[in-house]
Amino acid sequence: MSDKKRAAVAWVIGAVSGIAVTILFLLLFAFVITKSRHIQYTLIAPMAIAAACIGAFVGGYITARINKSFGMLVGAICGALILMILLAVGAASGELPGMLSLLRGALMLISGAIGGILGVNRRRKRKKN
């Protein structure tokens, strides 16, 4: 597989998996909120940011594992791609970006970069002969 083709596959798989993980954590947090009657509404935004950061981390990790190089850059770009998708979905539903979106974006870039670094530097298991 050529490098360009591998990079394209890495971006698609990383972004889709990152969005899927974000959705799963949003559903998990929604379940926790509905079952807990004593949760404060001020915790909803941090939970959403945490879900987005976890998704960016996983997306960056998977993208870097497939790409096998430039982990921090690849992870940060994957985090930015996931952020753009989330902003587009938010804009389609009527949400306007604000300061919280800026914070979420910065944290997602950092989370994606960390995931990319860990994805590239993960050691492979050696088979015992």
C-alpha atoms as a PDB file:
ATOM      1  CA  MET A   1       0.000   0.000   0.000  1.00  0.00           C
ATOM      2  CA  SER A   2       1.385   3.415  -0.917  1.00  0.00           C
ATOM      3  CA  ASP A   3       2.077   6.026   1.734  1.00  0.00           C
ATOM      4  CA  LYS A   4      -0.693   8.337   0.503  1.00  0.00           C
ATOM      5  CA  LYS A   5      -3.235   5.547   0.469  1.00  0.00           C
ATOM      6  CA  ARG A   6      -2.200   4.394   3.939  1.00  0.00           C
ATOM      7  CA  ALA A   7      -2.458   7.979   5.238  1.00  0.00           C
ATOM      8  CA  ALA A   8      -5.956   8.382   3.758  1.00  0.00           C
ATOM      9  CA  VAL A   9      -7.078   5.088   5.289  1.00  0.00           C
ATOM     10  CA  ALA A  10      -5.539   6.126   8.613  1.00  0.00           C
ATOM     11  CA  TRP A  11      -7.406   9.456   8.622  1.00  0.00           C
ATOM     12  CA  VAL A  12     -10.753   7.866   7.822  1.00  0.00           C
ATOM     13  CA  ILE A  13     -10.427   4.998  10.295  1.00  0.00           C
ATOM     14  CA  GLY A  14      -9.055   7.277  13.026  1.00  0.00           C
ATOM     15  CA  ALA A  15     -11.742   9.933  12.624  1.00  0.00           C
ATOM     16  CA  VAL A  16     -14.596   7.424  12.433  1.00  0.00           C
ATOM     17  CA  SER A  17     -13.350   5.523  15.467  1.00  0.00           C
ATOM     18  CA  GLY A  18     -12.813   8.769  17.386  1.00  0.00           C
ATOM     19  CA  ILE A  19     -16.359   9.935  16.620  1.00  0.00           C
ATOM     20  CA  ALA A  20     -17.729   6.510  17.594  1.00  0.00           C
ATOM     21  CA  VAL A  21     -15.887   6.588  20.933  1.00  0.00           C
ATOM     22  CA  THR A  22     -17.116  10.145  21.536  1.00  0.00           C
ATOM     23  CA  ILE A  23     -20.705   9.062  20.904  1.00  0.00           C
ATOM     24  CA  LEU A  24     -20.315   6.045  23.191  1.00  0.00           C
ATOM     25  CA  PHE A  25     -18.990   8.188  26.032  1.00  0.00           C
ATOM     26  CA  LEU A  26     -21.723  10.780  25.496  1.00  0.00           C
ATOM     27  CA  LEU A  27     -24.275   7.989  25.778  1.00  0.00           C
ATOM     28  CA  LEU A  28     -22.558   6.661  28.893  1.00  0.00           C
ATOM     29  CA  PHE A  29     -22.555  10.117  30.493  1.00  0.00           C
ATOM     30  CA  ALA A  30     -26.201  10.644  29.521  1.00  0.00           C
ATOM     31  CA  PHE A  31     -27.051   7.356  31.215  1.00  0.00           C
ATOM     32  CA  VAL A  32     -25.175   8.427  34.356  1.00  0.00           C
ATOM     33  CA  ILE A  33     -26.969  11.781  34.355  1.00  0.00           C
ATOM     34  CA  THR A  34     -30.407  10.200  34.009  1.00  0.00           C
ATOM     35  CA  LYS A  35     -29.763   7.613  36.736  1.00  0.00           C
ATOM     36  CA  SER A  36     -28.207  10.063  39.167  1.00  0.00           C
ATOM     37  CA  ARG A  37     -30.710  12.466  40.629  1.00  0.00           C
ATOM     38  CA  HIS A  38     -28.157  14.566  42.446  1.00  0.00           C
ATOM     39  CA  ILE A  39     -25.949  15.607  39.551  1.00  0.00           C
ATOM     40  CA  GLN A  40     -25.467  19.316  38.959  1.00  0.00           C
ATOM     41  CA  TYR A  41     -26.153  20.831  35.567  1.00  0.00           C
ATOM     42  CA  THR A  42     -22.757  22.503  35.667  1.00  0.00           C
ATOM     43  CA  LEU A  43     -21.158  19.071  35.182  1.00  0.00           C
ATOM     44  CA  ILE A  44     -22.792  18.450  31.795  1.00  0.00           C
ATOM     45  CA  ALA A  45     -20.394  20.629  29.765  1.00  0.00           C
ATOM     46  CA  PRO A  46     -17.244  19.119  31.332  1.00  0.00           C
ATOM     47  CA  MET A  47     -18.627  15.636  30.653  1.00  0.00           C
ATOM     48  CA  ALA A  48     -19.164  16.541  26.994  1.00  0.00           C
ATOM     49  CA  ILE A  49     -15.639  17.946  26.765  1.00  0.00           C
ATOM     50  CA  ALA A  50     -14.237  14.798  28.412  1.00  0.00           C
ATOM     51  CA  ALA A  51     -16.100  12.607  25.901  1.00  0.00           C
ATOM     52  CA  ALA A  52     -14.710  14.656  23.000  1.00  0.00           C
ATOM     53  CA  CYS A  53     -11.171  14.481  24.401  1.00  0.00           C
ATOM     54  CA  ILE A  54     -11.369  10.721  24.895  1.00  0.00           C
ATOM     55  CA  GLY A  55     -12.599  10.373  21.307  1.00  0.00           C
ATOM     56  CA  ALA A  56      -9.774  12.578  20.016  1.00  0.00           C
ATOM     57  CA  PHE A  57      -7.253  10.530  22.004  1.00  0.00           C
ATOM     58  CA  VAL A  58      -8.520   7.236  20.568  1.00  0.00           C
ATOM     59  CA  GLY A  59      -8.716   8.675  17.054  1.00  0.00           C
ATOM     60  CA  GLY A  60      -5.164  10.032  17.277  1.00  0.00           C
ATOM     61  CA  TYR A  61      -3.895   6.752  18.684  1.00  0.00           C
ATOM     62  CA  ILE A  62      -5.468   4.652  15.932  1.00  0.00           C
ATOM     63  CA  THR A  63      -4.390   7.051  13.181  1.00  0.00           C
ATOM     64  CA  ALA A  64      -0.797   7.034  14.419  1.00  0.00           C
ATOM     65  CA  ARG A  65      -0.769   3.236  14.740  1.00  0.00           C
ATOM     66  CA  ILE A  66      -1.818   2.892  11.111  1.00  0.00           C
ATOM     67  CA  ASN A  67       0.416   5.718   9.827  1.00  0.00           C
ATOM     68  CA  LYS A  68       3.455   4.536  11.876  1.00  0.00           C
ATOM     69  CA  SER A  69       5.193   7.930  11.862  1.00  0.00           C
ATOM     70  CA  PHE A  70       4.805  11.580  12.897  1.00  0.00           C
ATOM     71  CA  GLY A  71       2.681  10.593  15.899  1.00  0.00           C
ATOM     72  CA  MET A  72       2.181  13.989  17.521  1.00  0.00           C
ATOM     73  CA  LEU A  73       1.345  15.743  14.245  1.00  0.00           C
ATOM     74  CA  VAL A  74      -0.910  12.962  12.987  1.00  0.00           C
ATOM     75  CA  GLY A  75      -2.734  12.753  16.320  1.00  0.00           C
ATOM     76  CA  ALA A  76      -3.235  16.513  16.553  1.00  0.00           C
ATOM     77  CA  ILE A  77      -4.569  16.676  12.998  1.00  0.00           C
ATOM     78  CA  CYS A  78      -6.935  13.788  13.717  1.00  0.00           C
ATOM     79  CA  GLY A  79      -8.132  15.648  16.839  1.00  0.00           C
ATOM     80  CA  ALA A  80      -8.694  18.746  14.694  1.00  0.00           C
ATOM     81  CA  LEU A  81     -10.618  16.694  12.127  1.00  0.00           C
ATOM     82  CA  ILE A  82     -12.871  15.269  14.826  1.00  0.00           C
ATOM     83  CA  LEU A  83     -13.327  18.785  16.226  1.00  0.00           C
ATOM     84  CA  MET A  84     -14.408  20.079  12.810  1.00  0.00           C
ATOM     85  CA  ILE A  85     -16.913  17.249  12.496  1.00  0.00           C
ATOM     86  CA  LEU A  86     -18.321  17.988  15.960  1.00  0.00           C
ATOM     87  CA  LEU A  87     -18.508  21.720  15.194  1.00  0.00           C
ATOM     88  CA  ALA A  88     -20.303  21.002  11.916  1.00  0.00           C
ATOM     89  CA  VAL A  89     -22.827  18.782  13.688  1.00  0.00           C
ATOM     90  CA  GLY A  90     -23.288  21.453  16.351  1.00  0.00           C
ATOM     91  CA  ALA A  91     -23.764  24.163  13.740  1.00  0.00           C
ATOM     92  CA  ALA A  92     -26.324  22.020  11.920  1.00  0.00           C
ATOM     93  CA  SER A  93     -28.295  21.734  15.160  1.00  0.00           C
ATOM     94  CA  GLY A  94     -28.133  25.482  15.823  1.00  0.00           C
ATOM     95  CA  GLU A  95     -25.247  25.667  18.297  1.00  0.00           C
ATOM     96  CA  LEU A  96     -22.972  28.659  17.878  1.00  0.00           C
ATOM     97  CA  PRO A  97     -19.275  28.208  18.688  1.00  0.00           C
ATOM     98  CA  GLY A  98     -18.105  30.156  21.718  1.00  0.00           C
ATOM     99  CA  MET A  99     -15.369  30.204  24.307  1.00  0.00           C
ATOM    100  CA  LEU A 100     -16.284  26.704  25.452  1.00  0.00           C
ATOM    101  CA  SER A 101     -15.736  25.463  21.892  1.00  0.00           C
ATOM    102  CA  LEU A 102     -12.309  27.082  21.903  1.00  0.00           C
ATOM    103  CA  LEU A 103     -11.417  25.279  25.139  1.00  0.00           C
ATOM    104  CA  ARG A 104     -12.801  22.008  23.782  1.00  0.00           C
ATOM    105  CA  GLY A 105     -10.750  22.472  20.604  1.00  0.00           C
ATOM    106  CA  ALA A 106      -7.501  23.099  22.452  1.00  0.00           C
ATOM    107  CA  LEU A 107      -8.048  20.101  24.709  1.00  0.00           C
ATOM    108  CA  MET A 108      -8.952  17.887  21.750  1.00  0.00           C
ATOM    109  CA  LEU A 109      -5.782  18.887  19.889  1.00  0.00           C
ATOM    110  CA  ILE A 110      -3.687  18.065  22.947  1.00  0.00           C
ATOM    111  CA  SER A 111      -5.535  14.769  23.531  1.00  0.00           C
ATOM    112  CA  GLY A 112      -5.148  13.747  19.889  1.00  0.00           C
ATOM    113  CA  ALA A 113      -1.443  14.614  19.973  1.00  0.00           C
ATOM    114  CA  ILE A 114      -0.910  12.547  23.132  1.00  0.00           C
ATOM    115  CA  GLY A 115      -2.787   9.642  21.544  1.00  0.00           C
ATOM    116  CA  GLY A 116      -0.613   9.955  18.444  1.00  0.00           C
ATOM    117  CA  ILE A 117       2.585   9.953  20.468  1.00  0.00           C
ATOM    118  CA  LEU A 118       1.513   6.855  22.381  1.00  0.00           C
ATOM    119  CA  GLY A 119       0.306   5.174  19.185  1.00  0.00           C
ATOM    120  CA  VAL A 120       3.638   5.560  17.422  1.00  0.00           C
ATOM    121  CA  ASN A 121       5.762   4.662  20.435  1.00  0.00           C
ATOM    122  CA  ARG A 122       3.854   1.544  21.436  1.00  0.00           C
ATOM    123  CA  ARG A 123       6.157  -1.426  21.401  1.00  0.00           C
ATOM    124  CA  ARG A 124       5.151  -4.561  19.596  1.00  0.00           C
ATOM    125  CA  LYS A 125       5.152  -7.884  21.405  1.00  0.00           C
ATOM    126  CA  ARG A 126       7.860 -10.261  20.342  1.00  0.00           C
ATOM    127  CA  LYS A 127       6.959 -13.845  19.657  1.00  0.00           C
ATOM    128  CA  LYS A 128       8.729 -16.412  21.795  1.00  0.00           C
ATOM    129  CA  ASN A 129      10.527 -19.066  19.788  1.00  0.00           C
END
